[in-house]
Amino acid sequence: HLGPSVKDEAVACRAASDTQSCMRDLREKVLYMVKFRFYDLEQRAEDLYYKGASTAAIAALDIRIESDKVTFDNTASDAELRNIILDVRDAWSTFVNQVKNDVK
C-alpha cells in the first residue's frame, strides 16, 4: 500500500478548504490509477507469451483494452467509466480462461 486509501483521501477532501478542487484532483488520481491498471494487464498478458500463452489471445486482449482506453479517455460519465472498467475486467477473465491450459 503506497499511501492513504481513496476513501481516506475523500474524507480529507470533505474537510479541506477547497473541497471541489480536492475532489477533482482525487478523481483525476483515481482515473490515472485505473488507466495504469489497464496498461499493467496488457503487460501481464504479453509476459505470458513466454510461458505459452497464445499470441492470438494476447492480441485480442490488447485490442480490446486499447479500444477501452480510448473510450475511457473520452468519457466523463461515471456510469460509462464503470462500464469500461467492467469490460476490461471481463476481457481479462476471458483471456485467463483462454490461456490457462497453455501457460506453463
Protein backbone atom coordinates (compact mmCIF):
# COMPACT_ATOMS: atom_id res chain seq x y z
CA HIS A 1 0.00 0.00 0.00
CA LEU A 2 1.65 3.22 -1.15
CA GLY A 3 -0.36 5.86 0.62
CA PRO A 4 -3.74 6.72 2.04
CA SER A 5 -6.73 4.90 0.61
CA VAL A 6 -9.09 6.66 -1.77
CA LYS A 7 -11.72 6.56 0.95
CA ASP A 8 -9.37 8.30 3.41
CA GLU A 9 -8.45 10.91 0.80
CA ALA A 10 -12.13 11.56 0.07
CA VAL A 11 -12.76 12.11 3.78
CA ALA A 12 -9.81 14.53 3.89
CA CYS A 13 -11.17 16.35 0.83
CA ARG A 14 -14.53 16.89 2.51
CA ALA A 15 -12.69 18.65 5.34
CA ALA A 16 -10.43 20.67 3.01
CA SER A 17 -10.89 24.39 2.48
CA ASP A 18 -11.35 23.88 -1.27
CA THR A 19 -13.42 20.69 -1.34
CA GLN A 20 -14.27 20.90 -5.05
CA SER A 21 -10.68 21.25 -6.15
CA CYS A 22 -9.54 18.49 -3.83
CA MET A 23 -12.25 16.10 -5.07
CA ARG A 24 -11.45 16.96 -8.69
CA ASP A 25 -7.77 16.20 -8.08
CA LEU A 26 -8.68 12.97 -6.31
CA ARG A 27 -10.89 11.92 -9.22
CA GLU A 28 -8.03 12.52 -11.66
CA LYS A 29 -5.72 10.49 -9.46
CA VAL A 30 -8.18 7.57 -9.36
CA LEU A 31 -8.68 7.69 -13.14
CA TYR A 32 -4.90 7.63 -13.59
CA MET A 33 -4.64 4.57 -11.31
CA VAL A 34 -7.36 2.78 -13.30
CA LYS A 35 -5.63 3.54 -16.58
CA PHE A 36 -2.33 2.33 -15.14
CA ARG A 37 -4.06 -0.92 -14.26
CA PHE A 38 -5.22 -1.29 -17.88
CA TYR A 39 -1.61 -0.95 -19.04
CA ASP A 40 -0.50 -3.41 -16.35
CA LEU A 41 -2.97 -6.05 -17.54
CA GLU A 42 -1.72 -5.67 -21.11
CA GLN A 43 1.86 -6.11 -19.92
CA ARG A 44 0.98 -9.16 -17.84
CA ALA A 45 -0.69 -10.76 -20.85
CA GLU A 46 2.33 -10.04 -23.04
CA ASP A 47 4.63 -11.53 -20.41
CA LEU A 48 2.57 -14.73 -20.52
CA TYR A 49 3.65 -15.20 -24.14
CA TYR A 50 6.94 -16.55 -22.81
CA LYS A 51 5.04 -19.08 -20.72
CA GLY A 52 2.97 -20.40 -23.62
CA ALA A 53 0.00 -18.03 -23.97
CA SER A 54 -1.35 -17.79 -27.50
CA THR A 55 -0.39 -14.71 -29.49
CA ALA A 56 -3.95 -14.55 -30.82
CA ALA A 57 -5.40 -14.40 -27.30
CA ILE A 58 -2.86 -11.75 -26.28
CA ALA A 59 -3.59 -9.69 -29.39
CA ALA A 60 -7.36 -9.92 -28.82
CA LEU A 61 -6.94 -8.71 -25.24
CA ASP A 62 -4.60 -5.89 -26.30
CA ILE A 63 -7.03 -4.71 -28.98
CA ARG A 64 -9.97 -4.75 -26.60
CA ILE A 65 -8.11 -2.91 -23.84
CA GLU A 66 -6.66 -0.36 -26.28
CA SER A 67 -10.17 0.34 -27.55
CA ASP A 68 -11.46 0.66 -23.99
CA LYS A 69 -8.60 3.05 -23.10
CA VAL A 70 -9.57 5.37 -25.96
CA THR A 71 -13.21 5.33 -24.83
CA PHE A 72 -12.09 5.80 -21.22
CA ASP A 73 -10.09 8.90 -22.17
CA ASN A 74 -13.07 10.41 -23.98
CA THR A 75 -15.71 9.69 -21.34
CA ALA A 76 -16.79 11.92 -18.49
CA SER A 77 -19.75 9.91 -17.22
CA ASP A 78 -19.04 7.91 -14.08
CA ALA A 79 -21.50 5.25 -15.21
CA GLU A 80 -19.72 4.86 -18.56
CA LEU A 81 -16.32 4.76 -16.84
CA ARG A 82 -17.63 1.99 -14.59
CA ASN A 83 -18.87 0.07 -17.65
CA ILE A 84 -15.45 0.35 -19.29
CA ILE A 85 -13.73 -0.93 -16.15
CA LEU A 86 -16.15 -3.87 -16.06
CA ASP A 87 -15.48 -4.54 -19.75
CA VAL A 88 -11.72 -4.67 -19.17
CA ARG A 89 -12.27 -6.96 -16.20
CA ASP A 90 -14.40 -9.22 -18.40
CA ALA A 91 -11.75 -9.15 -21.14
CA TRP A 92 -9.08 -10.19 -18.64
CA SER A 93 -11.24 -13.01 -17.30
CA THR A 94 -11.91 -14.25 -20.84
CA PHE A 95 -8.19 -14.09 -21.63
CA VAL A 96 -7.25 -16.04 -18.50
CA ASN A 97 -9.78 -18.73 -19.34
CA GLN A 98 -8.42 -18.96 -22.90
CA VAL A 99 -4.78 -19.39 -21.91
CA LYS A 100 -4.92 -21.12 -18.52
CA ASN A 101 -4.30 -24.57 -20.02
CA ASP A 102 -1.47 -23.33 -22.24
CA VAL A 103 0.57 -21.40 -19.69
CA LYS A 104 3.31 -23.40 -18.06
